[in-house]
Protein backbone atom coordinates (compact mmCIF):
# COMPACT_ATOMS: atom_id res chain seq x y z
CA MET A 1 5.82 -63.51 43.67
CA PRO A 2 6.73 -63.55 47.47
CA PHE A 3 10.46 -61.98 49.01
CA ALA A 4 12.15 -64.22 49.57
CA GLU A 5 14.16 -63.24 52.73
CA LEU A 6 17.42 -64.48 54.60
CA GLN A 7 18.73 -64.23 58.24
CA VAL A 8 22.23 -63.81 58.71
CA TYR A 9 23.94 -66.32 60.83
CA SER A 10 28.07 -65.67 60.48
CA VAL A 11 30.23 -63.69 57.80
CA GLU A 12 32.74 -66.37 56.75
CA GLU A 13 34.75 -64.20 54.55
CA ALA A 14 34.46 -60.67 53.27
CA ASP A 15 36.84 -58.06 51.19
CA VAL A 16 35.87 -54.70 48.64
CA THR A 17 33.87 -57.49 45.96
CA GLY A 18 31.70 -59.37 47.97
CA GLY A 19 31.80 -62.34 50.43
CA VAL A 20 31.01 -65.77 51.94
CA CYS A 21 28.17 -66.16 54.80
CA VAL A 22 25.77 -69.14 56.66
CA VAL A 23 22.06 -67.91 56.20
CA ARG A 24 19.25 -69.36 57.77
CA CYS A 25 16.19 -68.77 55.13
CA VAL A 26 13.32 -67.32 57.29
CA GLY A 27 10.85 -66.76 53.76
CA GLY A 28 9.70 -67.47 50.02
CA VAL A 29 12.00 -69.42 48.41
CA ALA A 30 15.85 -68.52 48.04
CA ARG A 31 17.25 -68.91 44.77
CA ALA A 32 20.93 -68.07 42.86
CA GLY A 33 20.99 -64.98 40.38
CA GLN A 34 18.33 -62.77 43.04
CA VAL A 35 19.35 -59.41 44.56
CA TYR A 36 19.26 -58.63 48.35
CA ALA A 37 18.50 -54.88 49.74
CA VAL A 38 20.59 -53.69 52.35
CA GLY A 39 19.27 -50.57 52.88
CA GLU A 40 19.53 -48.33 49.82
CA LEU A 41 22.35 -51.39 48.66
CA ARG A 42 22.20 -54.34 46.96
CA LEU A 43 23.46 -58.06 46.94
CA TRP A 44 23.42 -60.24 44.25
CA LEU A 45 23.32 -64.19 45.34
CA ARG A 46 25.81 -66.00 42.94
CA ARG A 47 26.23 -69.66 44.71
CA ILE A 48 24.83 -71.86 47.03
CA GLU A 49 25.67 -74.42 48.70
CA ARG A 50 24.15 -77.07 50.72
CA TYR A 51 26.37 -80.08 52.81
CA GLY A 52 29.20 -79.17 50.04
CA ARG A 53 27.49 -78.99 47.25
CA PRO A 54 25.82 -76.18 44.68
CA VAL A 55 22.41 -76.03 44.79
CA GLY A 56 19.85 -74.11 42.36
CA SER A 57 17.57 -72.56 45.14
CA PHE A 58 16.68 -73.44 49.11
CA ASP A 59 13.58 -72.55 51.10
CA ALA A 60 12.29 -71.73 54.23
CA GLY A 61 13.20 -73.20 57.39
CA HIS A 62 16.78 -74.47 56.24
CA THR A 63 20.43 -73.10 55.82
CA ALA A 64 22.87 -72.94 53.51
CA LYS A 65 25.85 -71.30 52.66
CA VAL A 66 25.60 -68.24 50.38
CA HIS A 67 28.24 -67.09 48.16
CA LEU A 68 27.12 -63.04 47.43
CA THR A 69 28.88 -60.19 45.70
CA GLY A 70 29.01 -56.34 46.56
CA ALA A 71 31.19 -54.76 49.45
CA VAL A 72 28.30 -54.43 52.78
CA VAL A 73 29.31 -58.05 53.50
CA ALA A 74 31.38 -56.73 55.53
CA LEU A 75 29.01 -54.97 57.18
CA LEU A 76 25.83 -57.64 57.89
CA SER A 77 25.65 -58.76 61.90
CA ARG A 78 24.49 -61.96 63.38
CA GLY A 79 21.06 -61.89 63.09
CA GLN A 80 20.47 -59.32 59.93
CA VAL A 81 17.77 -60.41 57.39
CA LEU A 82 17.89 -59.42 53.73
CA THR A 83 14.67 -58.97 51.13
CA SER A 84 14.82 -60.36 47.57
CA VAL A 85 13.87 -57.23 45.60
CA PRO A 86 13.81 -57.25 41.51
CA PRO A 87 17.07 -57.20 39.72
CA ASP A 88 16.47 -53.27 39.35
CA GLY A 89 14.71 -53.01 42.93
CA HIS A 90 11.56 -51.34 43.56
CA ALA A 91 12.34 -48.05 44.70
CA LEU A 92 10.92 -46.59 47.96
CA ALA A 93 8.82 -44.02 45.06
CA ASP A 94 7.28 -46.59 43.08
CA LEU A 95 6.44 -48.64 46.51
CA GLU A 96 4.58 -45.17 47.38
CA ALA A 97 2.69 -44.79 43.75
CA TRP A 98 2.13 -48.75 44.13
CA LEU A 99 -0.03 -48.42 46.95
CA ALA A 100 -1.93 -45.42 46.77
CA THR A 101 -2.95 -46.56 43.16
CA ASP A 102 -2.31 -50.16 42.25
CA PRO A 103 -0.63 -49.60 39.20
CA PRO A 104 1.31 -53.04 37.75
CA LEU A 105 4.26 -53.71 39.12
CA LEU A 106 7.95 -55.84 37.52
CA ASP A 107 7.52 -58.01 40.43
CA GLU A 108 4.30 -57.33 42.34
CA PRO A 109 5.46 -57.87 46.56
CA ALA A 110 3.41 -59.66 48.62
CA PRO A 111 1.97 -57.87 51.63
CA ARG A 112 3.63 -59.31 54.44
CA PRO A 113 6.85 -59.33 53.06
CA LEU A 114 6.32 -56.09 52.35
CA ARG A 115 5.44 -54.80 55.88
CA VAL A 116 8.66 -57.00 56.92
CA MET A 117 11.06 -55.40 54.86
CA ALA A 118 9.37 -51.18 55.30
CA GLY A 119 8.99 -51.96 58.92
CA SER A 120 12.87 -52.06 58.26
CA ARG A 121 13.52 -49.63 57.09
CA MET A 122 11.81 -47.49 59.01
CA GLN A 123 14.12 -48.50 62.28
CA ASP A 124 17.56 -48.12 59.58
CA GLU A 125 18.84 -45.34 62.03
CA GLY A 126 22.09 -45.40 59.17
CA LEU A 127 18.99 -43.70 56.28
CA PRO A 128 17.35 -39.24 56.15
CA ASP A 129 14.62 -38.39 58.97
CA GLY A 130 12.89 -37.99 55.67
CA ILE A 131 13.40 -41.20 53.60
CA ARG A 132 12.22 -43.25 57.30
CA LEU A 133 9.03 -41.72 57.59
CA ARG A 134 8.01 -42.35 54.59
CA TRP A 135 9.28 -45.96 54.69
CA GLY A 136 6.46 -46.17 57.94
CA ARG A 137 3.22 -44.87 55.62
CA VAL A 138 4.77 -47.79 53.59
CA ALA A 139 4.75 -49.88 56.22
CA LEU A 140 1.16 -48.27 57.24
CA ALA A 141 -0.37 -49.37 53.91
CA ALA A 142 1.24 -52.44 53.83
CA VAL A 143 -0.54 -53.33 56.92
CA TYR A 144 -3.92 -52.62 55.93
CA ARG A 145 -3.12 -54.59 52.87
CA CYS A 146 -1.98 -57.52 55.20
CA ALA A 147 -5.69 -57.33 57.03
CA ARG A 148 -6.84 -57.28 53.80
CA ALA A 149 -5.54 -60.40 51.89
CA GLU A 150 -5.64 -62.44 54.94
CA GLY A 151 -8.97 -61.31 56.40
CA THR A 152 -8.00 -60.49 59.58
CA SER A 153 -10.13 -58.89 61.61
CA ASP A 154 -9.48 -54.76 63.06
CA LEU A 155 -9.49 -56.21 66.27
CA VAL A 156 -5.98 -58.25 64.99
CA ARG A 157 -4.94 -55.87 62.92
CA ALA A 158 -4.52 -52.98 65.08
CA PRO A 159 -1.32 -54.10 67.32
CA GLU A 160 -0.11 -54.00 63.88
CA VAL A 161 -1.40 -50.20 62.90
CA ALA A 162 -0.31 -49.75 66.84
CA TYR A 163 3.46 -50.89 66.29
CA VAL A 164 3.82 -48.43 63.10
CA ARG A 165 1.70 -45.28 64.22
CA GLY A 166 3.90 -45.35 67.80
CA TYR A 167 7.36 -46.21 66.72
CA LEU A 168 6.51 -43.02 64.35
CA ILE A 169 4.96 -41.36 67.31
CA ARG A 170 7.71 -42.16 69.96
CA THR A 171 10.90 -41.56 67.37
CA PHE A 172 9.56 -38.59 66.07
CA GLY A 173 6.43 -37.18 67.45
CA PRO A 174 2.92 -36.43 67.13
CA SER A 175 2.06 -34.68 64.01
CA PRO A 176 -1.23 -33.44 63.32
CA GLY A 177 -1.88 -35.21 60.16
CA PRO A 178 -0.28 -38.72 59.37
CA GLU A 179 3.13 -37.63 58.54
CA ARG A 180 4.50 -38.40 61.94
CA GLY A 181 2.37 -41.71 62.74
CA GLY A 182 -0.65 -39.48 63.89
CA ASP A 183 -1.91 -37.42 66.98
CA PRO A 184 -1.77 -40.08 70.20
CA ALA A 185 -4.66 -39.13 71.20
CA GLU A 186 -6.48 -39.74 67.91
CA LEU A 187 -4.37 -43.06 67.65
CA CYS A 188 -5.61 -43.49 71.67
CA ARG A 189 -9.12 -42.71 70.50
CA GLU A 190 -9.32 -45.72 67.32
CA LEU A 191 -7.48 -48.48 69.76
CA LEU A 192 -10.15 -47.85 72.91
CA ALA A 193 -13.06 -48.26 70.24
CA LEU A 194 -12.37 -51.67 69.01
CA ILE A 195 -12.33 -52.70 73.01
CA ASP A 196 -16.17 -54.00 73.75
CA LEU A 197 -15.60 -54.78 77.71
CA THR A 198 -14.14 -52.56 80.34
CA PRO A 199 -11.75 -52.92 82.55
CA ARG A 200 -13.75 -54.25 85.38
CA GLU A 201 -15.24 -57.01 83.59
CA ALA A 202 -11.96 -57.60 80.99
CA ALA A 203 -11.00 -57.78 84.27
CA GLU A 204 -13.64 -60.17 86.30
CA ARG A 205 -12.94 -62.49 83.25
CA GLY A 206 -8.78 -62.51 83.63
CA ARG A 207 -9.38 -63.71 87.01
CA VAL A 208 -11.21 -66.95 85.77
CA TRP A 209 -9.98 -67.09 81.64
CA ARG A 210 -9.16 -71.15 82.54
CA ASP A 211 -13.03 -71.68 82.61
CA LEU A 212 -13.80 -69.66 79.26
CA PRO A 213 -14.36 -70.49 75.99
CA HIS A 214 -10.86 -70.79 73.44
CA ALA A 215 -12.88 -67.81 71.77
CA GLU A 216 -13.11 -66.27 75.17
CA ILE A 217 -9.71 -66.29 76.29
CA LEU A 218 -8.13 -65.32 72.54
CA HIS A 219 -10.71 -62.11 72.52
CA LEU A 220 -9.13 -61.44 75.99
CA ARG A 221 -5.26 -61.62 74.60
CA ARG A 222 -5.89 -59.02 71.80
CA ILE A 223 -7.78 -57.46 73.95
CA LYS A 224 -3.99 -57.23 75.99
CA PHE A 225 -1.93 -56.87 73.50
CA LEU A 226 -3.67 -53.19 72.23
CA ILE A 227 -2.70 -52.37 76.05
CA PRO A 228 1.51 -51.36 75.46
CA TRP A 229 0.17 -49.37 72.34
CA LEU A 230 -1.96 -47.28 74.65
CA VAL A 231 1.09 -47.14 77.21
CA LEU A 232 3.53 -45.98 74.29
CA VAL A 233 1.35 -43.36 73.63
CA ARG A 234 0.27 -41.97 77.52
CA PRO A 235 3.17 -40.04 78.12
CA HIS A 236 1.78 -37.73 74.91
CA LEU A 237 -1.58 -37.27 76.86
CA GLY A 238 -2.65 -34.78 79.23
CA GLU A 239 -3.46 -35.22 82.81
CA GLY A 240 -6.76 -34.32 82.90
CA ASP A 241 -7.61 -36.25 79.64
CA PRO A 242 -9.97 -39.15 79.76
CA LEU A 243 -7.79 -40.58 77.59
CA ALA A 244 -5.50 -40.77 79.65
CA GLY A 245 -7.27 -42.39 82.57
CA ALA A 246 -8.16 -44.59 80.67
CA VAL A 247 -5.00 -45.58 79.31
CA ASP A 248 -4.51 -46.07 83.36
CA ALA A 249 -7.55 -48.13 83.64
CA TRP A 250 -6.42 -50.64 80.62
CA ALA A 251 -2.77 -50.59 82.12
CA ALA A 252 -3.56 -52.21 85.69
CA VAL A 253 -6.05 -54.68 84.20
CA ARG A 254 -2.67 -56.02 82.37
CA PRO A 255 -1.33 -58.36 84.65
CA GLU A 256 -5.24 -60.16 84.75
CA LEU A 257 -5.85 -61.35 81.47
CA PRO A 258 -3.99 -64.22 80.02
């Protein structure tokens, strides 16, 4: 069953027991009785109102007024996304074990909502660093699951991999293993290996991209999406490192690409 996701528009009422929010469903189907995660805390969706009348559910693209139980309602902010979890919640350790060995879960998470939720927890500065790093590893594993489930190529998957690893490297520093996103040089080599053009070839095609077939334009755009992640880890490379020169060459080419 996919996760439901609610984006907060406003908090209308709030006290120590809960409150009322106006939200937009941005994924899945929101139903009365669901439990939503806010970091390690939980909110219960008790009641849904649309156009002044109670309803049992509403789906993506629609807004509603929801009555939530949980003191954390008062701390919600506009734009914050709440993700549904099973009533007893998947603990971080449960998700780590599931991603490692595929044991059955009560409510198996779909890969992309899991990637979104884990990425959000990874960036939650209210959590201890060790917990954020663990969520980062869950997010990275979920990226690979998304790619398998959606049948995407390595080049399409690469920006999401780089996003998670780059964030961990930037926030927690490089590491020889995967604990903090890994080695920046290794990440650069992996991304560069996916590019089948030289910077000069890409620039030449970029200058005439309007005349190219759609597939070639899309390919150039996918290469362009990789370049910011190369630039992100550039400060971790030595000035004499050939990888640094390759990153600089691609950074110079990026404005030419569609």
